[in-house]
Protein backbone atom coordinates (compact mmCIF):
# COMPACT_ATOMS: atom_id res chain seq x y z
CA MET A 1 89.00 18.34 -77.56
CA CYS A 2 92.35 17.90 -79.52
CA PRO A 3 91.72 16.18 -82.68
CA ARG A 4 93.04 12.65 -82.28
CA ILE A 5 89.99 11.68 -79.46
CA LEU A 6 87.33 13.20 -81.92
CA SER A 7 88.92 10.82 -84.73
CA LEU A 8 87.50 8.71 -82.70
CA LEU A 9 84.27 9.33 -81.03
CA PRO A 10 82.67 7.73 -83.95
CA VAL A 11 84.24 4.41 -83.49
CA LEU A 12 83.76 4.66 -79.37
CA GLN A 13 79.89 5.19 -80.28
CA ALA A 14 79.97 2.55 -82.57
CA VAL A 15 82.04 -0.08 -80.51
CA LEU A 16 79.97 0.68 -77.73
CA LEU A 17 76.94 0.22 -79.41
CA PHE A 18 78.20 -3.53 -80.87
CA SER A 19 79.79 -4.32 -77.22
CA CYS A 20 76.33 -5.40 -75.78
CA ARG A 21 76.31 -8.90 -77.83
CA PRO A 22 79.39 -10.40 -78.92
CA PRO A 23 80.67 -9.93 -81.97
CA CYS A 24 80.02 -12.12 -83.29
CA THR A 25 76.69 -14.62 -82.69
CA LYS A 26 77.77 -17.80 -85.07
CA ASP A 27 80.54 -19.49 -85.45
CA ALA A 28 81.80 -20.72 -88.56
CA GLU A 29 80.52 -24.47 -89.57
CA ASP A 30 84.34 -25.38 -90.43
CA PRO A 31 87.09 -23.58 -90.17
CA CYS A 32 90.17 -24.58 -91.55
CA ALA A 33 92.02 -23.95 -88.25
CA ALA A 34 91.94 -23.67 -84.93
CA PRO A 35 91.76 -19.73 -83.31
CA MET A 36 95.54 -18.31 -82.64
CA THR A 37 97.58 -15.79 -80.55
CA VAL A 38 99.69 -13.45 -82.15
CA VAL A 39 101.72 -10.24 -82.30
CA VAL A 40 101.23 -7.26 -84.42
CA GLN A 41 104.30 -6.79 -85.88
CA ARG A 42 103.15 -3.98 -88.59
CA VAL A 43 99.64 -2.87 -90.68
CA VAL A 44 100.45 -2.92 -93.98
CA ASP A 45 97.18 -0.82 -94.85
CA GLY A 46 93.58 -0.68 -92.65
CA ASP A 47 92.64 -4.56 -93.74
CA THR A 48 96.09 -6.32 -93.48
CA LEU A 49 98.56 -7.05 -91.01
CA GLU A 50 101.96 -8.42 -90.57
CA VAL A 51 102.08 -10.52 -87.56
CA ASP A 52 104.33 -12.78 -85.23
CA PRO A 53 104.40 -16.15 -85.18
CA PRO A 54 103.38 -16.83 -88.79
CA ILE A 55 100.58 -18.84 -89.19
CA PRO A 56 100.92 -22.44 -90.97
CA LEU A 57 98.73 -22.79 -94.50
CA GLU A 58 98.78 -26.15 -96.93
CA SER A 59 101.00 -23.57 -98.96
CA GLY A 60 103.25 -22.80 -96.57
CA GLU A 61 103.80 -20.16 -93.82
CA THR A 62 102.54 -16.80 -94.19
CA ASP A 63 103.02 -13.23 -91.76
CA LYS A 64 100.62 -11.30 -93.70
CA VAL A 65 96.67 -11.72 -92.53
CA ARG A 66 93.69 -10.18 -94.27
CA LEU A 67 91.09 -9.61 -92.43
CA LEU A 68 87.79 -10.57 -93.65
CA CYS A 69 84.48 -9.69 -95.22
CA ILE A 70 85.65 -6.21 -95.22
CA ASN A 71 87.56 -3.87 -97.49
CA THR A 72 89.44 -0.29 -96.75
CA PRO A 73 90.54 2.22 -99.11
CA GLU A 74 94.22 1.54 -100.85
CA THR A 75 96.84 3.72 -99.80
CA LYS A 76 99.88 1.90 -102.07
CA GLU A 77 99.56 1.97 -105.77
CA GLU A 78 95.95 4.22 -105.83
CA ILE A 79 95.45 6.30 -102.58
CA GLU A 80 91.46 6.15 -102.32
CA CYS A 81 90.22 9.13 -99.82
CA TYR A 82 90.01 7.78 -96.01
CA GLY A 83 92.56 5.09 -96.52
CA GLU A 84 95.04 6.57 -94.52
CA GLN A 85 93.10 7.60 -91.94
CA ALA A 86 91.89 3.80 -91.79
CA ALA A 87 95.53 2.94 -91.69
CA ALA A 88 95.87 5.20 -88.51
CA TYR A 89 93.07 3.47 -86.67
CA VAL A 90 94.55 -0.24 -87.44
CA GLN A 91 97.81 0.93 -86.17
CA ASP A 92 96.76 3.46 -83.17
CA ARG A 93 94.92 -0.14 -82.22
CA VAL A 94 96.63 -3.23 -82.57
CA GLU A 95 100.25 -2.70 -83.87
CA GLY A 96 102.58 -4.02 -80.96
CA GLU A 97 99.85 -5.83 -79.68
CA GLU A 98 98.83 -9.32 -78.49
CA VAL A 99 95.06 -10.11 -81.14
CA THR A 100 93.51 -13.28 -81.77
CA LEU A 101 92.39 -14.63 -85.23
CA TYR A 102 89.52 -16.26 -85.74
CA PHE A 103 89.08 -18.47 -89.09
CA ASP A 104 86.15 -19.18 -90.89
CA ARG A 105 85.94 -22.09 -94.19
CA ASP A 106 88.87 -20.49 -96.20
CA CYS A 107 92.59 -19.65 -94.20
CA ALA A 108 93.93 -18.46 -97.23
CA GLY A 109 92.59 -15.52 -100.14
CA VAL A 110 94.00 -15.11 -103.60
CA TYR A 111 97.37 -13.75 -102.70
CA GLY A 112 98.31 -16.27 -100.09
CA ARG A 113 97.55 -13.93 -97.08
CA ALA A 114 96.02 -15.79 -94.00
CA LEU A 115 91.77 -14.10 -94.00
CA ALA A 116 90.87 -14.18 -90.36
CA TYR A 117 88.83 -12.13 -87.68
CA VAL A 118 90.68 -9.72 -85.78
CA MET A 119 89.71 -10.06 -81.82
CA ILE A 120 90.90 -7.25 -79.40
CA GLY A 121 90.19 -8.88 -76.37
CA ARG A 122 85.94 -9.32 -76.77
CA SER A 123 86.56 -6.34 -79.89
CA MET A 124 86.01 -7.19 -83.63
CA LEU A 125 88.55 -5.00 -85.29
CA ASN A 126 86.59 -5.89 -88.37
CA GLN A 127 83.52 -4.62 -87.25
CA GLU A 128 85.46 -2.09 -86.07
CA LEU A 129 86.32 -1.13 -88.60
CA ALA A 130 83.09 -0.97 -90.42
CA ALA A 131 80.78 0.76 -87.62
CA GLY A 132 83.73 3.59 -87.65
CA GLY A 133 82.98 4.01 -91.52
CA TYR A 134 86.71 2.86 -92.42
CA ALA A 135 85.59 -0.17 -94.80
CA VAL A 136 83.59 -1.41 -96.72
CA MET A 137 81.75 -4.65 -96.92
CA ILE A 138 83.23 -7.59 -99.49
CA ASP A 139 79.91 -8.80 -100.65
CA ASP A 140 80.62 -10.59 -104.19
CA TYR A 141 83.71 -12.81 -102.00
CA PHE A 142 82.57 -12.81 -98.36
CA ALA A 143 78.87 -12.63 -98.09
CA ASP A 144 78.50 -16.01 -96.20
CA TYR A 145 81.34 -16.07 -94.06
CA ALA A 146 79.52 -16.66 -90.30
CA CYS A 147 80.45 -12.81 -89.11
CA CYS A 148 79.54 -11.24 -92.11
CA ASP A 149 75.89 -10.38 -91.60
CA GLU A 150 76.97 -8.51 -87.84
CA ILE A 151 79.77 -7.09 -89.80
CA GLN A 152 77.37 -5.68 -92.83
CA GLU A 153 75.00 -4.52 -90.12
CA ALA A 154 77.93 -1.93 -88.86
CA ALA A 155 78.69 -1.35 -91.55
CA ASP A 156 74.95 -0.41 -92.57
CA LEU A 157 74.96 1.69 -89.77
CA ALA A 158 78.14 3.92 -90.20
CA ARG A 159 77.00 4.60 -93.62
CA THR A 160 72.67 5.54 -92.35
CA ASP A 161 75.33 8.08 -89.79
CA GLY A 162 77.76 9.59 -92.71
CA LEU A 163 80.61 8.07 -90.11
CA GLY A 164 83.54 8.19 -91.52
CA GLY A 165 84.87 7.32 -94.93
CA TRP A 166 80.51 7.62 -96.17
CA GLY A 167 80.97 10.95 -94.82
CA SER A 168 83.96 12.71 -96.49
CA CYS A 169 84.69 10.76 -99.60
CA THR A 170 82.39 10.23 -103.04
CA GLY A 171 83.55 7.63 -105.56
CA THR A 172 85.42 4.44 -105.25
CA PRO A 173 84.70 2.45 -102.40
CA TRP A 174 82.24 4.72 -100.88
CA GLN A 175 79.76 4.37 -103.25
């Protein structure tokens, strides 16, 4: 089997596990915006995308989207273990593709990026990344958002099974 397919097996296994039920069983109580369909123009890193059309925010428009509930290892200034794999997975999965953004109670984060759950059909990219061991949960900021419990469950299974960064890395963010 080619290495590319082998690298996707843990993610495919996790996606199949979660595909028997909706990716998020509850809706945000008071979403800041209606769902929006966009095309992913560029993957900045594993948890940040550039999209078109831009997302209207109170502070103006932005073409950058930050995935809710998760953090992937860094790939820019400080390169972290498994960051390149996370970014490559996201690039293969959504770059050039149409996705639907679902929002929770906050539409923008501290860096002016839109905050969203990214849906590809019935699959949530945020949860896929956690399930494949490409991402860890952000407990301190997003813990009480609508879909974070399901994403945390996926991350816990990946950690238990040693998938992705959980089996390959030590240190930040795999602590």
